Amino acid sequence: MQITASLVKELRERTGSGMMECKKALQETGGNIETAIEAMRKSGVAKAEKKAGRIAAEGIILIKQDAEANRAAIVEVNCETDFVAKDASFQGFAKRVADFVESMQPADLDELKKLAAGSDRTLEAERMELVARIGENISVRRFEVIHCKGDNMGIYLHGTRIGVLVDMDGGDPELAKDIAMHIAASRPVCVNEAGIPVDMLAREKDIYTVQAADSGKPAEIVKKMVNGRIRKFIGEITLLGQPFVKDPDQTVESVLRTNSAEVLGFVRYEVGEGIERKVDNFVEEVMAQAKS
């Protein structure tokens, strides 16, 4: 069968693959477009599996809100390079992920992957096809759905790299957004001292104790020094203890108190945080090749 330009065009539109790849698939399947699509999907799965181990530390943060339900979802979808993070296909996939998370509220990533993205494929199948087409590892790293218990939900996106959701009781929508913006800029670990992980506080206390002991001061002075540093540390990492970004003369706690507001919880995502990125040493690589 002759592989016409219109047949190649139709396959490209249906798969999003390159012209030469579509032409090759049609040639191998005798021009049968449905068989070609099936073969390309199988090939795409194989390609995606090969890329699965590659580090994906770039990407975007998205937030999808349902104001009537007083609910919002925040998701992080990763890729390998900033170039792909700006790609329309990648961003379209990430938006569908956010829509699915907000509307269907899956329990975890495994459940999310199994959701149907179309009449004949899951969201995971769509991801793998996108990996094969774009040529980079792509992953849905994490998501969270906030069911706002308070009066106001604060939402802030800093471009596509940082996203914050805030559940606030009292105050007003403008203050909720300001608090979300503050969290984006100041990176608090939790709302107040009660939320600090026990191991984090113990680790800092051990460090300060060793440092203070090296000063040679009496034990009672060392104890006061450690307590003072711990109080400062708590103020730095808790939302309530931090200076408010729009008015550093006040703490967030005092701003909330003035506006009869209380932060019940928050979520802050930043692209790639906590992912160990591979650093290539090109000098060593060239030297190794030269020696071999």
C-alpha atoms as a PDB file:
ATOM      1  CA  MET A   1       0.000   0.000   0.000  1.00  0.00           C
ATOM      2  CA  GLN A   2       1.257   3.503  -0.838  1.00  0.00           C
ATOM      3  CA  ILE A   3       2.007   5.616   2.243  1.00  0.00           C
ATOM      4  CA  THR A   4       0.459   8.962   1.371  1.00  0.00           C
ATOM      5  CA  ALA A   5       1.193  12.320   2.964  1.00  0.00           C
ATOM      6  CA  SER A   6      -2.396  12.529   4.231  1.00  0.00           C
ATOM      7  CA  LEU A   7      -2.043   9.151   5.983  1.00  0.00           C
ATOM      8  CA  VAL A   8       1.179  10.280   7.680  1.00  0.00           C
ATOM      9  CA  LYS A   9      -0.501  13.559   8.662  1.00  0.00           C
ATOM     10  CA  GLU A  10      -3.437  11.716  10.241  1.00  0.00           C
ATOM     11  CA  LEU A  11      -1.117   9.468  12.254  1.00  0.00           C
ATOM     12  CA  ARG A  12       0.896  12.480  13.425  1.00  0.00           C
ATOM     13  CA  GLU A  13      -2.272  14.228  14.596  1.00  0.00           C
ATOM     14  CA  ARG A  14      -3.447  11.151  16.467  1.00  0.00           C
ATOM     15  CA  THR A  15      -0.134  10.287  18.131  1.00  0.00           C
ATOM     16  CA  GLY A  16       1.814  13.554  18.284  1.00  0.00           C
ATOM     17  CA  SER A  17       4.896  11.704  16.970  1.00  0.00           C
ATOM     18  CA  GLY A  18       7.387  12.896  14.373  1.00  0.00           C
ATOM     19  CA  MET A  19       6.819  12.593  10.630  1.00  0.00           C
ATOM     20  CA  MET A  20       9.584  10.042   9.985  1.00  0.00           C
ATOM     21  CA  GLU A  21       8.485   7.890  12.939  1.00  0.00           C
ATOM     22  CA  CYS A  22       4.904   7.893  11.630  1.00  0.00           C
ATOM     23  CA  LYS A  23       5.990   7.070   8.097  1.00  0.00           C
ATOM     24  CA  LYS A  24       8.155   4.184   9.340  1.00  0.00           C
ATOM     25  CA  ALA A  25       5.315   2.775  11.461  1.00  0.00           C
ATOM     26  CA  LEU A  26       2.928   2.894   8.488  1.00  0.00           C
ATOM     27  CA  GLN A  27       5.440   1.187   6.234  1.00  0.00           C
ATOM     28  CA  GLU A  28       5.964  -1.582   8.783  1.00  0.00           C
ATOM     29  CA  THR A  29       2.207  -2.157   9.160  1.00  0.00           C
ATOM     30  CA  GLY A  30       1.280  -1.946   5.470  1.00  0.00           C
ATOM     31  CA  GLY A  31      -0.471   1.380   5.890  1.00  0.00           C
ATOM     32  CA  ASN A  32      -2.874   0.142   8.575  1.00  0.00           C
ATOM     33  CA  ILE A  33      -3.184   3.193  10.803  1.00  0.00           C
ATOM     34  CA  GLU A  34      -4.769   1.408  13.783  1.00  0.00           C
ATOM     35  CA  THR A  35      -2.063  -1.268  13.819  1.00  0.00           C
ATOM     36  CA  ALA A  36       0.559   1.463  13.451  1.00  0.00           C
ATOM     37  CA  ILE A  37      -0.831   3.295  16.502  1.00  0.00           C
ATOM     38  CA  GLU A  38      -0.760   0.086  18.564  1.00  0.00           C
ATOM     39  CA  ALA A  39       2.835  -0.646  17.504  1.00  0.00           C
ATOM     40  CA  MET A  40       3.917   2.913  18.315  1.00  0.00           C
ATOM     41  CA  ARG A  41       2.310   2.707  21.753  1.00  0.00           C
ATOM     42  CA  LYS A  42       4.163  -0.540  22.492  1.00  0.00           C
ATOM     43  CA  SER A  43       7.393   1.045  21.297  1.00  0.00           C
ATOM     44  CA  GLY A  44       6.690   4.075  23.453  1.00  0.00           C
ATOM     45  CA  VAL A  45       6.331   1.929  26.581  1.00  0.00           C
ATOM     46  CA  ALA A  46       9.712   0.331  25.918  1.00  0.00           C
ATOM     47  CA  LYS A  47      11.362   3.719  25.425  1.00  0.00           C
ATOM     48  CA  ALA A  48       9.738   5.106  28.571  1.00  0.00           C
ATOM     49  CA  GLU A  49      10.980   2.190  30.676  1.00  0.00           C
ATOM     50  CA  LYS A  50      14.557   2.855  29.512  1.00  0.00           C
ATOM     51  CA  LYS A  51      14.296   6.483  30.650  1.00  0.00           C
ATOM     52  CA  ALA A  52      12.615   5.734  33.988  1.00  0.00           C
ATOM     53  CA  GLY A  53      15.866   5.757  35.964  1.00  0.00           C
ATOM     54  CA  ARG A  54      16.986   9.183  34.789  1.00  0.00           C
ATOM     55  CA  ILE A  55      16.770  12.067  37.259  1.00  0.00           C
ATOM     56  CA  ALA A  56      13.803  14.378  36.689  1.00  0.00           C
ATOM     57  CA  ALA A  57      14.363  17.422  38.913  1.00  0.00           C
ATOM     58  CA  GLU A  58      12.867  20.160  36.712  1.00  0.00           C
ATOM     59  CA  GLY A  59       9.167  20.626  36.005  1.00  0.00           C
ATOM     60  CA  ILE A  60       6.207  22.666  37.194  1.00  0.00           C
ATOM     61  CA  ILE A  61       3.878  23.177  40.151  1.00  0.00           C
ATOM     62  CA  LEU A  62       0.171  23.548  39.433  1.00  0.00           C
ATOM     63  CA  ILE A  63      -2.829  24.389  41.618  1.00  0.00           C
ATOM     64  CA  LYS A  64      -6.442  23.579  40.729  1.00  0.00           C
ATOM     65  CA  GLN A  65      -9.210  25.048  42.890  1.00  0.00           C
ATOM     66  CA  ASP A  66     -12.884  24.260  43.288  1.00  0.00           C
ATOM     67  CA  ALA A  67     -14.118  27.395  45.046  1.00  0.00           C
ATOM     68  CA  GLU A  68     -17.648  26.070  45.563  1.00  0.00           C
ATOM     69  CA  ALA A  69     -16.359  22.948  47.302  1.00  0.00           C
ATOM     70  CA  ASN A  70     -13.778  25.024  49.208  1.00  0.00           C
ATOM     71  CA  ARG A  71     -11.130  22.595  47.980  1.00  0.00           C
ATOM     72  CA  ALA A  72      -7.859  22.847  46.068  1.00  0.00           C
ATOM     73  CA  ALA A  73      -5.189  20.484  44.775  1.00  0.00           C
ATOM     74  CA  ILE A  74      -1.475  21.143  44.378  1.00  0.00           C
ATOM     75  CA  VAL A  75       0.713  18.877  42.216  1.00  0.00           C
ATOM     76  CA  GLU A  76       4.337  18.613  41.113  1.00  0.00           C
ATOM     77  CA  VAL A  77       5.097  17.089  37.718  1.00  0.00           C
ATOM     78  CA  ASN A  78       8.774  16.643  36.851  1.00  0.00           C
ATOM     79  CA  CYS A  79      10.926  16.386  33.749  1.00  0.00           C
ATOM     80  CA  GLU A  80      14.688  16.475  33.160  1.00  0.00           C
ATOM     81  CA  THR A  81      15.224  19.949  31.681  1.00  0.00           C
ATOM     82  CA  ASP A  82      13.769  23.433  31.960  1.00  0.00           C
ATOM     83  CA  PHE A  83      13.309  23.395  28.173  1.00  0.00           C
ATOM     84  CA  VAL A  84      10.787  20.534  28.375  1.00  0.00           C
ATOM     85  CA  ALA A  85       9.100  22.163  31.398  1.00  0.00           C
ATOM     86  CA  LYS A  86       8.034  24.928  28.989  1.00  0.00           C
ATOM     87  CA  ASP A  87       6.826  22.494  26.307  1.00  0.00           C
ATOM     88  CA  ALA A  88       3.087  22.737  25.530  1.00  0.00           C
ATOM     89  CA  SER A  89       2.596  18.954  25.519  1.00  0.00           C
ATOM     90  CA  PHE A  90       4.283  18.575  28.903  1.00  0.00           C
ATOM     91  CA  GLN A  91       2.281  21.438  30.396  1.00  0.00           C
ATOM     92  CA  GLY A  92      -0.945  20.034  28.944  1.00  0.00           C
ATOM     93  CA  PHE A  93      -0.261  16.674  30.579  1.00  0.00           C
ATOM     94  CA  ALA A  94       0.553  18.348  33.908  1.00  0.00           C
ATOM     95  CA  LYS A  95      -2.695  20.322  33.744  1.00  0.00           C
ATOM     96  CA  ARG A  96      -4.665  17.106  33.189  1.00  0.00           C
ATOM     97  CA  VAL A  97      -2.937  15.592  36.215  1.00  0.00           C
ATOM     98  CA  ALA A  98      -4.005  18.579  38.339  1.00  0.00           C
ATOM     99  CA  ASP A  99      -7.577  18.309  37.029  1.00  0.00           C
ATOM    100  CA  PHE A 100      -7.701  14.594  37.850  1.00  0.00           C
ATOM    101  CA  VAL A 101      -6.295  15.089  41.350  1.00  0.00           C
ATOM    102  CA  GLU A 102      -8.724  17.878  42.219  1.00  0.00           C
ATOM    103  CA  SER A 103     -11.838  16.253  40.781  1.00  0.00           C
ATOM    104  CA  MET A 104     -11.232  12.580  41.649  1.00  0.00           C
ATOM    105  CA  GLN A 105      -9.034  12.952  44.761  1.00  0.00           C
ATOM    106  CA  PRO A 106      -7.072   9.697  44.411  1.00  0.00           C
ATOM    107  CA  ALA A 107      -5.612   8.246  47.593  1.00  0.00           C
ATOM    108  CA  ASP A 108      -2.050   8.040  46.294  1.00  0.00           C
ATOM    109  CA  LEU A 109       0.159   8.047  43.189  1.00  0.00           C
ATOM    110  CA  ASP A 110      -0.625   4.415  42.370  1.00  0.00           C
ATOM    111  CA  GLU A 111      -4.336   5.135  42.288  1.00  0.00           C
ATOM    112  CA  LEU A 112      -3.740   8.289  40.224  1.00  0.00           C
ATOM    113  CA  LYS A 113      -1.790   6.325  37.580  1.00  0.00           C
ATOM    114  CA  LYS A 114      -4.723   3.958  37.057  1.00  0.00           C
ATOM    115  CA  LEU A 115      -7.272   6.697  36.361  1.00  0.00           C
ATOM    116  CA  ALA A 116      -8.606   6.739  32.811  1.00  0.00           C
ATOM    117  CA  ALA A 117      -7.255   9.616  30.725  1.00  0.00           C
ATOM    118  CA  GLY A 118      -9.328   8.622  27.708  1.00  0.00           C
ATOM    119  CA  SER A 119     -11.544   5.897  26.356  1.00  0.00           C
ATOM    120  CA  ASP A 120      -8.679   3.438  25.909  1.00  0.00           C
ATOM    121  CA  ARG A 121      -5.796   4.460  28.168  1.00  0.00           C
ATOM    122  CA  THR A 122      -4.819   5.386  31.705  1.00  0.00           C
ATOM    123  CA  LEU A 123      -3.026   8.509  32.861  1.00  0.00           C
ATOM    124  CA  GLU A 124       0.096   6.366  33.274  1.00  0.00           C
ATOM    125  CA  ALA A 125      -0.139   5.205  29.638  1.00  0.00           C
ATOM    126  CA  GLU A 126      -0.397   8.844  28.549  1.00  0.00           C
ATOM    127  CA  ARG A 127       2.691   9.687  30.611  1.00  0.00           C
ATOM    128  CA  MET A 128       4.708   6.887  29.028  1.00  0.00           C
ATOM    129  CA  GLU A 129       3.679   7.925  25.525  1.00  0.00           C
ATOM    130  CA  LEU A 130       4.763  11.476  26.343  1.00  0.00           C
ATOM    131  CA  VAL A 131       8.147  10.202  27.589  1.00  0.00           C
ATOM    132  CA  ALA A 132       8.657   8.344  24.320  1.00  0.00           C
ATOM    133  CA  ARG A 133       7.647  11.367  22.230  1.00  0.00           C
ATOM    134  CA  ILE A 134       9.604  14.044  24.126  1.00  0.00           C
ATOM    135  CA  GLY A 135      12.649  11.916  24.940  1.00  0.00           C
ATOM    136  CA  GLU A 136      12.929  12.764  28.644  1.00  0.00           C
ATOM    137  CA  ASN A 137      11.887  11.035  31.837  1.00  0.00           C
ATOM    138  CA  ILE A 138       8.629  12.556  33.097  1.00  0.00           C
ATOM    139  CA  SER A 139       7.077  11.778  36.460  1.00  0.00           C
ATOM    140  CA  VAL A 140       4.206  12.833  38.674  1.00  0.00           C
ATOM    141  CA  ARG A 141       6.144  13.276  41.893  1.00  0.00           C
ATOM    142  CA  ARG A 142       3.540  14.266  44.484  1.00  0.00           C
ATOM    143  CA  PHE A 143       0.181  15.875  45.102  1.00  0.00           C
ATOM    144  CA  GLU A 144      -2.026  16.985  47.954  1.00  0.00           C
ATOM    145  CA  VAL A 145      -5.655  18.010  48.239  1.00  0.00           C
ATOM    146  CA  ILE A 146      -6.635  20.608  50.826  1.00  0.00           C
ATOM    147  CA  HIS A 147     -10.226  20.628  52.096  1.00  0.00           C
ATOM    148  CA  CYS A 148     -10.370  24.068  53.648  1.00  0.00           C
ATOM    149  CA  LYS A 149     -11.798  24.010  57.177  1.00  0.00           C
ATOM    150  CA  GLY A 150     -11.452  27.761  57.706  1.00  0.00           C
ATOM    151  CA  ASP A 151     -13.153  30.798  56.159  1.00  0.00           C
ATOM    152  CA  ASN A 152     -10.441  31.595  53.633  1.00  0.00           C
ATOM    153  CA  MET A 153      -8.101  29.697  51.350  1.00  0.00           C
ATOM    154  CA  GLY A 154      -4.840  31.375  50.413  1.00  0.00           C
ATOM    155  CA  ILE A 155      -3.387  30.446  47.026  1.00  0.00           C
ATOM    156  CA  TYR A 156      -0.106  31.665  45.589  1.00  0.00           C
ATOM    157  CA  LEU A 157       1.933  30.542  42.588  1.00  0.00           C
ATOM    158  CA  HIS A 158       5.377  31.989  41.993  1.00  0.00           C
ATOM    159  CA  GLY A 159       5.611  31.369  38.259  1.00  0.00           C
ATOM    160  CA  THR A 160       5.451  27.609  37.875  1.00  0.00           C
ATOM    161  CA  ARG A 161       8.209  26.730  40.355  1.00  0.00           C
ATOM    162  CA  ILE A 162       6.673  27.419  43.788  1.00  0.00           C
ATOM    163  CA  GLY A 163       3.097  26.857  44.907  1.00  0.00           C
ATOM    164  CA  VAL A 164       1.395  27.403  48.271  1.00  0.00           C
ATOM    165  CA  LEU A 165      -2.032  26.556  49.686  1.00  0.00           C
ATOM    166  CA  VAL A 166      -3.140  28.004  53.038  1.00  0.00           C
ATOM    167  CA  ASP A 167      -6.158  27.043  55.143  1.00  0.00           C
ATOM    168  CA  MET A 168      -7.004  30.106  57.247  1.00  0.00           C
ATOM    169  CA  ASP A 169      -9.831  30.785  59.678  1.00  0.00           C
ATOM    170  CA  GLY A 170     -10.884  34.411  60.057  1.00  0.00           C
ATOM    171  CA  GLY A 171      -9.255  37.366  58.348  1.00  0.00           C
ATOM    172  CA  ASP A 172     -10.096  37.906  54.680  1.00  0.00           C
ATOM    173  CA  PRO A 173      -9.071  36.571  51.223  1.00  0.00           C
ATOM    174  CA  GLU A 174      -6.404  39.245  50.777  1.00  0.00           C
ATOM    175  CA  LEU A 175      -4.685  38.339  54.050  1.00  0.00           C
ATOM    176  CA  ALA A 176      -4.869  34.631  53.151  1.00  0.00           C
ATOM    177  CA  LYS A 177      -3.078  35.345  49.877  1.00  0.00           C
ATOM    178  CA  ASP A 178      -0.470  37.500  51.665  1.00  0.00           C
ATOM    179  CA  ILE A 179       0.236  34.642  54.085  1.00  0.00           C
ATOM    180  CA  ALA A 180       0.583  32.248  51.146  1.00  0.00           C
ATOM    181  CA  MET A 181       3.040  34.656  49.515  1.00  0.00           C
ATOM    182  CA  HIS A 182       4.987  34.896  52.775  1.00  0.00           C
ATOM    183  CA  ILE A 183       5.233  31.099  52.980  1.00  0.00           C
ATOM    184  CA  ALA A 184       6.500  30.940  49.400  1.00  0.00           C
ATOM    185  CA  ALA A 185       9.274  33.424  50.217  1.00  0.00           C
ATOM    186  CA  SER A 186      10.208  32.384  53.775  1.00  0.00           C
ATOM    187  CA  ARG A 187       9.882  28.562  53.647  1.00  0.00           C
ATOM    188  CA  PRO A 188       8.525  27.832  57.139  1.00  0.00           C
ATOM    189  CA  VAL A 189       8.609  24.166  58.119  1.00  0.00           C
ATOM    190  CA  CYS A 190       5.322  24.247  60.034  1.00  0.00           C
ATOM    191  CA  VAL A 191       2.757  26.604  61.564  1.00  0.00           C
ATOM    192  CA  ASN A 192       4.051  26.598  65.161  1.00  0.00           C
ATOM    193  CA  GLU A 193       6.445  24.860  67.555  1.00  0.00           C
ATOM    194  CA  ALA A 194       4.107  21.891  68.026  1.00  0.00           C
ATOM    195  CA  GLY A 195       4.554  20.972  64.381  1.00  0.00           C
ATOM    196  CA  ILE A 196       8.365  20.800  64.376  1.00  0.00           C
ATOM    197  CA  PRO A 197       9.623  17.230  63.814  1.00  0.00           C
ATOM    198  CA  VAL A 198      11.133  15.874  67.033  1.00  0.00           C
ATOM    199  CA  ASP A 199      14.295  14.630  65.307  1.00  0.00           C
ATOM    200  CA  MET A 200      14.910  18.032  63.708  1.00  0.00           C
ATOM    201  CA  LEU A 201      14.723  19.824  67.066  1.00  0.00           C
ATOM    202  CA  ALA A 202      16.925  17.194  68.766  1.00  0.00           C
ATOM    203  CA  ARG A 203      19.553  17.460  66.025  1.00  0.00           C
ATOM    204  CA  GLU A 204      19.752  21.249  66.326  1.00  0.00           C
ATOM    205  CA  LYS A 205      19.941  21.034  70.119  1.00  0.00           C
ATOM    206  CA  ASP A 206      22.861  18.585  69.895  1.00  0.00           C
ATOM    207  CA  ILE A 207      24.735  20.896  67.522  1.00  0.00           C
ATOM    208  CA  TYR A 208      24.177  23.967  69.710  1.00  0.00           C
ATOM    209  CA  THR A 209      25.189  22.044  72.851  1.00  0.00           C
ATOM    210  CA  VAL A 210      28.519  20.998  71.327  1.00  0.00           C
ATOM    211  CA  GLN A 211      29.177  24.525  70.049  1.00  0.00           C
ATOM    212  CA  ALA A 212      28.339  26.111  73.401  1.00  0.00           C
ATOM    213  CA  ALA A 213      30.400  23.564  75.351  1.00  0.00           C
ATOM    214  CA  ASP A 214      33.459  24.454  73.253  1.00  0.00           C
ATOM    215  CA  SER A 215      33.198  28.032  74.526  1.00  0.00           C
ATOM    216  CA  GLY A 216      34.552  26.922  77.930  1.00  0.00           C
ATOM    217  CA  LYS A 217      31.789  28.742  79.814  1.00  0.00           C
ATOM    218  CA  PRO A 218      30.141  27.314  82.996  1.00  0.00           C
ATOM    219  CA  ALA A 219      27.395  24.697  82.580  1.00  0.00           C
ATOM    220  CA  GLU A 220      24.562  27.043  83.584  1.00  0.00           C
ATOM    221  CA  ILE A 221      25.709  29.612  80.983  1.00  0.00           C
ATOM    222  CA  VAL A 222      25.994  26.883  78.349  1.00  0.00           C
ATOM    223  CA  LYS A 223      22.422  25.822  79.109  1.00  0.00           C
ATOM    224  CA  LYS A 224      21.155  29.396  78.661  1.00  0.00           C
ATOM    225  CA  MET A 225      23.099  29.745  75.413  1.00  0.00           C
ATOM    226  CA  VAL A 226      21.564  26.529  74.037  1.00  0.00           C
ATOM    227  CA  ASN A 227      18.041  27.530  75.074  1.00  0.00           C
ATOM    228  CA  GLY A 228      18.474  30.939  73.483  1.00  0.00           C
ATOM    229  CA  ARG A 229      19.644  29.447  70.182  1.00  0.00           C
ATOM    230  CA  ILE A 230      16.806  26.932  70.206  1.00  0.00           C
ATOM    231  CA  ARG A 231      14.247  29.732  70.676  1.00  0.00           C
ATOM    232  CA  LYS A 232      15.807  31.615  67.763  1.00  0.00           C
ATOM    233  CA  PHE A 233      15.748  28.467  65.608  1.00  0.00           C
ATOM    234  CA  ILE A 234      12.066  27.885  66.398  1.00  0.00           C
ATOM    235  CA  GLY A 235      11.275  31.472  65.411  1.00  0.00           C
ATOM    236  CA  GLU A 236      13.109  31.046  62.100  1.00  0.00           C
ATOM    237  CA  ILE A 237      11.393  27.847  60.958  1.00  0.00           C
ATOM    238  CA  THR A 238       7.831  28.316  62.249  1.00  0.00           C
ATOM    239  CA  LEU A 239       5.341  30.439  60.343  1.00  0.00           C
ATOM    240  CA  LEU A 240       4.105  32.251  63.456  1.00  0.00           C
ATOM    241  CA  GLY A 241       7.615  33.141  64.594  1.00  0.00           C
ATOM    242  CA  GLN A 242       8.861  34.601  61.299  1.00  0.00           C
ATOM    243  CA  PRO A 243       8.938  38.342  60.497  1.00  0.00           C
ATOM    244  CA  PHE A 244       6.084  39.062  58.070  1.00  0.00           C
ATOM    245  CA  VAL A 245       7.498  39.710  54.565  1.00  0.00           C
ATOM    246  CA  LYS A 246       5.248  42.736  53.970  1.00  0.00           C
ATOM    247  CA  ASP A 247       6.038  44.242  57.379  1.00  0.00           C
ATOM    248  CA  PRO A 248       9.232  42.790  58.946  1.00  0.00           C
ATOM    249  CA  ASP A 249       8.636  44.780  62.143  1.00  0.00           C
ATOM    250  CA  GLN A 250       5.792  42.385  62.944  1.00  0.00           C
ATOM    251  CA  THR A 251       5.780  38.603  63.224  1.00  0.00           C
ATOM    252  CA  VAL A 252       3.220  36.603  61.283  1.00  0.00           C
ATOM    253  CA  GLU A 253       1.657  35.692  64.623  1.00  0.00           C
ATOM    254  CA  SER A 254       1.025  39.326  65.499  1.00  0.00           C
ATOM    255  CA  VAL A 255      -0.392  40.069  62.023  1.00  0.00           C
ATOM    256  CA  LEU A 256      -2.819  37.161  62.352  1.00  0.00           C
ATOM    257  CA  ARG A 257      -3.820  38.206  65.876  1.00  0.00           C
ATOM    258  CA  THR A 258      -4.513  41.776  64.731  1.00  0.00           C
ATOM    259  CA  ASN A 259      -6.800  40.445  61.988  1.00  0.00           C
ATOM    260  CA  SER A 260      -8.502  37.831  64.226  1.00  0.00           C
ATOM    261  CA  ALA A 261      -7.168  35.081  61.982  1.00  0.00           C
ATOM    262  CA  GLU A 262      -5.592  31.664  62.480  1.00  0.00           C
ATOM    263  CA  VAL A 263      -3.659  29.493  60.035  1.00  0.00           C
ATOM    264  CA  LEU A 264      -4.944  25.938  60.354  1.00  0.00           C
ATOM    265  CA  GLY A 265      -2.429  24.461  57.929  1.00  0.00           C
ATOM    266  CA  PHE A 266      -0.490  24.993  54.731  1.00  0.00           C
ATOM    267  CA  VAL A 267       1.265  23.155  51.911  1.00  0.00           C
ATOM    268  CA  ARG A 268       4.318  24.515  50.101  1.00  0.00           C
ATOM    269  CA  TYR A 269       5.798  22.842  47.007  1.00  0.00           C
ATOM    270  CA  GLU A 270       8.939  23.877  45.173  1.00  0.00           C
ATOM    271  CA  VAL A 271      10.077  22.186  41.979  1.00  0.00           C
ATOM    272  CA  GLY A 272      12.813  19.633  42.592  1.00  0.00           C
ATOM    273  CA  GLU A 273      13.235  20.260  46.321  1.00  0.00           C
ATOM    274  CA  GLY A 274      14.838  17.263  47.990  1.00  0.00           C
ATOM    275  CA  ILE A 275      15.853  15.620  44.711  1.00  0.00           C
ATOM    276  CA  GLU A 276      19.557  14.899  44.442  1.00  0.00           C
ATOM    277  CA  ARG A 277      20.632  16.267  41.078  1.00  0.00           C
ATOM    278  CA  LYS A 278      23.400  14.689  39.093  1.00  0.00           C
ATOM    279  CA  VAL A 279      26.316  17.058  38.543  1.00  0.00           C
ATOM    280  CA  ASP A 280      28.375  16.209  35.494  1.00  0.00           C
ATOM    281  CA  ASN A 281      32.100  16.898  35.677  1.00  0.00           C
ATOM    282  CA  PHE A 282      32.893  17.377  32.010  1.00  0.00           C
ATOM    283  CA  VAL A 283      36.623  17.931  32.642  1.00  0.00           C
ATOM    284  CA  GLU A 284      36.938  14.532  34.335  1.00  0.00           C
ATOM    285  CA  GLU A 285      34.813  12.958  31.607  1.00  0.00           C
ATOM    286  CA  VAL A 286      37.053  14.318  28.843  1.00  0.00           C
ATOM    287  CA  MET A 287      40.194  13.297  30.734  1.00  0.00           C
ATOM    288  CA  ALA A 288      38.866   9.766  31.202  1.00  0.00           C
ATOM    289  CA  GLN A 289      38.093   9.493  27.490  1.00  0.00           C
ATOM    290  CA  ALA A 290      41.533  10.849  26.582  1.00  0.00           C
ATOM    291  CA  LYS A 291      43.250   8.279  28.815  1.00  0.00           C
ATOM    292  CA  SER A 292      41.247   5.425  27.326  1.00  0.00           C
END
